N, C-alpha and C. Protein backbone atom coordinates (compact mmCIF):
# COMPACT_ATOMS: atom_id res chain seq x y z
N MET A 1 66.79 6.67 3.39
CA MET A 1 65.83 7.11 2.56
C MET A 1 65.00 5.88 2.46
N SER A 2 63.93 5.62 2.98
CA SER A 2 63.22 4.42 3.12
C SER A 2 62.34 4.75 1.72
N LYS A 3 61.94 3.42 0.88
CA LYS A 3 60.72 3.80 0.01
C LYS A 3 59.92 2.71 0.60
N SER A 4 58.97 3.50 0.40
CA SER A 4 57.47 2.54 0.89
C SER A 4 57.12 1.96 -0.56
N THR A 5 56.45 0.53 -0.09
CA THR A 5 55.82 -0.20 -1.22
C THR A 5 54.25 -0.13 -1.12
N LYS A 6 53.80 0.73 0.02
CA LYS A 6 52.32 1.03 -0.14
C LYS A 6 52.02 2.06 -1.57
N PRO A 7 50.71 1.68 -2.01
CA PRO A 7 50.63 2.85 -2.66
C PRO A 7 49.85 4.04 -1.84
N ALA A 8 49.61 4.79 -2.61
CA ALA A 8 48.88 6.33 -1.80
C ALA A 8 47.94 5.84 -1.06
N PRO A 9 47.16 6.36 0.01
CA PRO A 9 46.04 5.76 0.80
C PRO A 9 44.97 6.77 0.32
N ARG A 10 45.37 7.45 -0.24
CA ARG A 10 44.01 8.62 -0.99
C ARG A 10 43.07 7.73 -1.98
N ILE A 11 44.18 7.15 -2.82
CA ILE A 11 43.20 6.47 -3.65
C ILE A 11 42.35 5.48 -3.02
N PRO A 12 42.57 4.41 -2.46
CA PRO A 12 41.34 3.60 -2.33
C PRO A 12 40.52 4.09 -1.43
N VAL A 13 40.75 5.23 -0.37
CA VAL A 13 39.72 5.97 0.49
C VAL A 13 38.45 6.49 -0.54
N VAL A 14 39.22 6.99 -1.64
CA VAL A 14 38.32 7.80 -2.55
C VAL A 14 37.53 6.99 -2.94
N ARG A 15 38.20 5.20 -3.33
CA ARG A 15 37.16 4.51 -4.19
C ARG A 15 36.04 3.92 -3.69
N ARG A 16 36.75 3.72 -1.91
CA ARG A 16 35.65 3.39 -0.97
C ARG A 16 34.65 4.22 -0.68
N LEU A 17 35.16 5.47 -0.40
CA LEU A 17 33.67 6.25 0.09
C LEU A 17 33.20 7.30 -0.90
N TRP A 18 32.84 7.06 -2.14
CA TRP A 18 32.47 7.72 -3.41
C TRP A 18 31.22 8.01 -2.82
N LYS A 19 30.11 6.57 -2.81
CA LYS A 19 28.59 7.34 -2.76
C LYS A 19 28.44 7.55 -1.36
N PRO A 20 28.59 7.33 0.01
CA PRO A 20 28.68 8.38 0.72
C PRO A 20 28.76 9.59 0.73
N ALA A 21 29.95 10.22 0.16
CA ALA A 21 30.24 11.40 -0.38
C ALA A 21 29.26 12.01 -0.88
N ILE A 22 29.04 11.54 -2.30
CA ILE A 22 28.08 11.89 -3.07
C ILE A 22 26.66 11.64 -2.35
N ALA A 23 26.02 11.44 -1.47
CA ALA A 23 24.77 11.10 -0.58
C ALA A 23 25.31 12.11 0.31
N ALA A 24 25.99 12.55 1.03
CA ALA A 24 26.33 13.64 1.90
C ALA A 24 26.76 15.07 1.22
N GLY A 25 27.14 15.01 0.34
CA GLY A 25 27.19 16.02 -0.50
C GLY A 25 26.15 16.83 -1.13
N ALA A 26 24.73 15.72 -1.56
CA ALA A 26 23.66 16.30 -1.81
C ALA A 26 22.90 16.93 -0.73
N GLY A 27 23.26 16.97 0.27
CA GLY A 27 22.39 17.54 1.57
C GLY A 27 21.45 16.60 1.98
N SER A 28 22.04 14.86 1.93
CA SER A 28 20.82 13.85 2.46
C SER A 28 19.72 14.13 1.73
N THR A 29 19.52 14.68 0.48
CA THR A 29 18.47 14.01 -0.26
C THR A 29 18.09 13.12 -0.80
N ALA A 30 19.04 12.33 -0.88
CA ALA A 30 19.17 10.84 -1.85
C ALA A 30 18.69 10.10 -0.11
N ALA A 31 18.77 10.24 0.85
CA ALA A 31 18.20 9.58 2.17
C ALA A 31 16.75 9.88 2.09
N ALA A 32 16.42 11.21 2.02
CA ALA A 32 14.90 11.72 2.03
C ALA A 32 14.21 10.94 0.87
N VAL A 33 14.89 10.85 -0.59
CA VAL A 33 13.81 9.89 -1.54
C VAL A 33 13.90 8.73 -1.36
N TRP A 34 15.00 7.97 -0.71
CA TRP A 34 14.84 6.51 0.01
C TRP A 34 13.76 6.52 0.97
N MET A 35 13.86 7.20 1.82
CA MET A 35 12.61 7.29 2.84
C MET A 35 11.33 7.34 1.99
N ASP A 36 11.16 8.62 1.08
CA ASP A 36 10.22 8.64 0.73
C ASP A 36 9.33 7.48 -0.31
N GLU A 37 10.63 6.74 -1.11
CA GLU A 37 10.12 5.74 -1.81
C GLU A 37 10.01 4.44 -0.80
N ILE A 38 10.53 4.37 0.10
CA ILE A 38 9.88 3.10 0.81
C ILE A 38 8.51 3.37 1.49
N LEU A 39 8.09 4.64 1.94
CA LEU A 39 7.20 5.09 2.64
C LEU A 39 5.92 4.61 1.54
N LEU A 40 6.18 5.46 0.46
CA LEU A 40 5.05 5.00 -0.70
C LEU A 40 5.15 3.75 -1.00
N PHE A 41 5.93 2.84 -1.03
CA PHE A 41 5.77 1.32 -1.04
C PHE A 41 5.12 0.86 -0.18
N GLY A 42 5.21 0.93 1.06
CA GLY A 42 4.47 0.44 2.21
C GLY A 42 2.78 0.96 1.98
N GLU A 43 2.71 2.09 1.81
CA GLU A 43 1.49 2.66 1.55
C GLU A 43 0.53 1.90 0.40
N GLN A 44 1.30 1.30 -0.73
CA GLN A 44 0.50 0.90 -1.91
C GLN A 44 0.21 -0.51 -1.06
N ILE A 45 1.29 -1.09 -0.24
CA ILE A 45 1.13 -2.92 0.12
C ILE A 45 -0.24 -2.95 1.29
N LEU A 46 -0.49 -1.38 1.82
CA LEU A 46 -1.26 -2.03 3.10
C LEU A 46 -2.72 -1.39 1.95
N ALA A 47 -2.73 -0.50 1.14
CA ALA A 47 -3.64 -0.36 0.29
C ALA A 47 -4.24 -1.76 -0.32
N LEU A 48 -3.49 -2.62 -0.78
CA LEU A 48 -3.90 -3.81 -1.36
C LEU A 48 -3.97 -4.85 -0.32
N ILE A 49 -3.49 -4.69 0.71
CA ILE A 49 -4.37 -5.38 2.15
C ILE A 49 -5.76 -5.22 2.43
N PHE A 50 -5.80 -3.90 2.44
CA PHE A 50 -6.89 -3.67 3.00
C PHE A 50 -8.23 -3.42 1.98
N LEU A 51 -7.84 -3.35 0.93
CA LEU A 51 -9.00 -3.47 -0.33
C LEU A 51 -10.37 -4.69 -0.16
N PRO A 52 -9.23 -5.90 -0.33
CA PRO A 52 -10.61 -7.15 -0.01
C PRO A 52 -11.25 -7.02 1.11
N ILE A 53 -10.63 -6.39 2.28
CA ILE A 53 -11.38 -6.43 3.60
C ILE A 53 -12.21 -5.31 3.52
N MET A 54 -12.04 -4.35 2.93
CA MET A 54 -13.13 -3.29 2.72
C MET A 54 -14.39 -3.53 2.21
N ALA A 55 -13.88 -4.27 0.75
CA ALA A 55 -15.01 -4.71 -0.24
C ALA A 55 -15.70 -5.66 0.52
N GLY A 56 -14.90 -6.50 1.87
CA GLY A 56 -16.24 -7.77 2.27
C GLY A 56 -16.80 -6.98 3.04
N VAL A 57 -16.64 -6.08 3.91
CA VAL A 57 -17.29 -5.00 4.86
C VAL A 57 -18.39 -4.51 3.99
N ILE A 58 -18.33 -4.17 2.93
CA ILE A 58 -19.11 -3.63 2.44
C ILE A 58 -20.39 -4.15 1.63
N TYR A 59 -19.92 -5.36 1.20
CA TYR A 59 -20.34 -6.64 0.88
C TYR A 59 -21.59 -7.28 2.11
N LEU A 60 -20.99 -7.18 3.16
CA LEU A 60 -21.62 -7.62 4.30
C LEU A 60 -22.54 -6.72 4.30
N LEU A 61 -22.35 -5.58 4.62
CA LEU A 61 -23.69 -4.56 4.74
C LEU A 61 -24.57 -4.63 3.69
N ASP A 62 -24.49 -4.82 2.83
CA ASP A 62 -25.30 -4.60 1.64
C ASP A 62 -26.17 -6.02 1.33
N VAL A 63 -25.68 -7.10 2.01
CA VAL A 63 -26.38 -8.12 2.32
C VAL A 63 -27.47 -8.01 3.52
N PHE A 64 -27.08 -7.38 4.82
CA PHE A 64 -27.94 -6.65 5.79
C PHE A 64 -28.83 -5.86 5.55
N ILE A 65 -28.69 -5.07 4.88
CA ILE A 65 -29.46 -3.96 4.73
C ILE A 65 -30.29 -4.16 3.58
N PHE A 66 -30.13 -4.92 2.45
CA PHE A 66 -30.98 -5.21 1.57
C PHE A 66 -31.89 -6.80 1.96
N LYS A 67 -31.51 -7.25 2.96
CA LYS A 67 -32.25 -9.01 3.15
C LYS A 67 -33.29 -8.33 3.51
N SER A 68 -33.81 -7.50 4.39
CA SER A 68 -34.79 -7.28 5.06
C SER A 68 -36.26 -6.59 3.79
N ARG A 69 -35.73 -6.23 2.75
CA ARG A 69 -36.64 -5.95 1.78
C ARG A 69 -36.99 -6.85 0.84
N MET A 70 -36.28 -8.10 1.05
CA MET A 70 -36.95 -8.96 0.03
C MET A 70 -37.85 -9.90 0.39
N PRO A 71 -39.30 -10.07 -0.49
CA PRO A 71 -39.95 -10.55 -0.25
C PRO A 71 -40.30 -12.18 0.73
N GLN A 72 -40.77 -12.57 1.66
CA GLN A 72 -41.02 -13.62 1.98
C GLN A 72 -41.79 -14.62 1.86
N ARG A 73 -42.34 -15.84 2.22
CA ARG A 73 -43.58 -16.72 1.48
C ARG A 73 -44.26 -16.38 2.19
N GLU A 74 -44.26 -15.70 3.37
CA GLU A 74 -45.79 -15.19 4.12
C GLU A 74 -46.21 -13.99 3.27
N ASP A 75 -45.26 -13.09 2.96
CA ASP A 75 -45.78 -12.01 2.47
C ASP A 75 -46.39 -12.36 1.13
N LEU A 76 -46.36 -13.71 -0.02
CA LEU A 76 -46.40 -13.91 -1.11
C LEU A 76 -47.85 -14.78 -0.92
N LYS A 77 -47.85 -15.09 0.33
CA LYS A 77 -49.38 -16.04 0.55
C LYS A 77 -50.64 -15.17 1.02
N ASN A 78 -49.93 -14.38 1.67
CA ASN A 78 -51.16 -13.15 1.77
C ASN A 78 -51.59 -12.28 1.25
N THR A 79 -51.34 -12.28 -0.09
CA THR A 79 -51.66 -11.32 -1.10
C THR A 79 -53.09 -11.55 -1.69
N PRO A 80 -54.35 -10.50 -1.85
CA PRO A 80 -55.44 -11.25 -2.23
C PRO A 80 -55.60 -11.30 -3.47
N LYS A 81 -56.30 -12.44 -3.92
CA LYS A 81 -56.08 -12.85 -5.28
C LYS A 81 -56.75 -11.87 -6.36
N ASN A 82 -57.58 -11.23 -6.04
CA ASN A 82 -58.53 -10.31 -7.08
C ASN A 82 -57.62 -9.05 -7.30
N GLU A 83 -56.53 -8.85 -6.67
CA GLU A 83 -55.80 -7.84 -6.85
C GLU A 83 -55.17 -7.64 -8.13
N THR A 84 -55.22 -6.80 -9.25
CA THR A 84 -54.88 -6.56 -10.63
C THR A 84 -53.16 -6.04 -10.36
N ARG A 85 -52.47 -6.30 -11.08
CA ARG A 85 -51.20 -6.05 -11.15
C ARG A 85 -50.88 -4.84 -12.18
N LYS A 86 -50.12 -3.54 -11.91
CA LYS A 86 -50.17 -2.62 -12.74
C LYS A 86 -48.67 -2.47 -13.43
């Protein structure tokens, strides 16, 4: 009878594989939650990147649209002198 000095192989395997066993036992819910969190984080980062870009586009449109409504010097010089302001 030979006596082996190795410990039982079941204990290290359980210690090493308890996290994947829990993830697989949950029906891959953990992986789905991780993927959802990663996608939400990416969405928020993209929103922070595109927010200043969209603000710049809106500002430029505002400048170009309302620039034509500002009075020019020619308009102010051609007003009649006897016109009363209301």
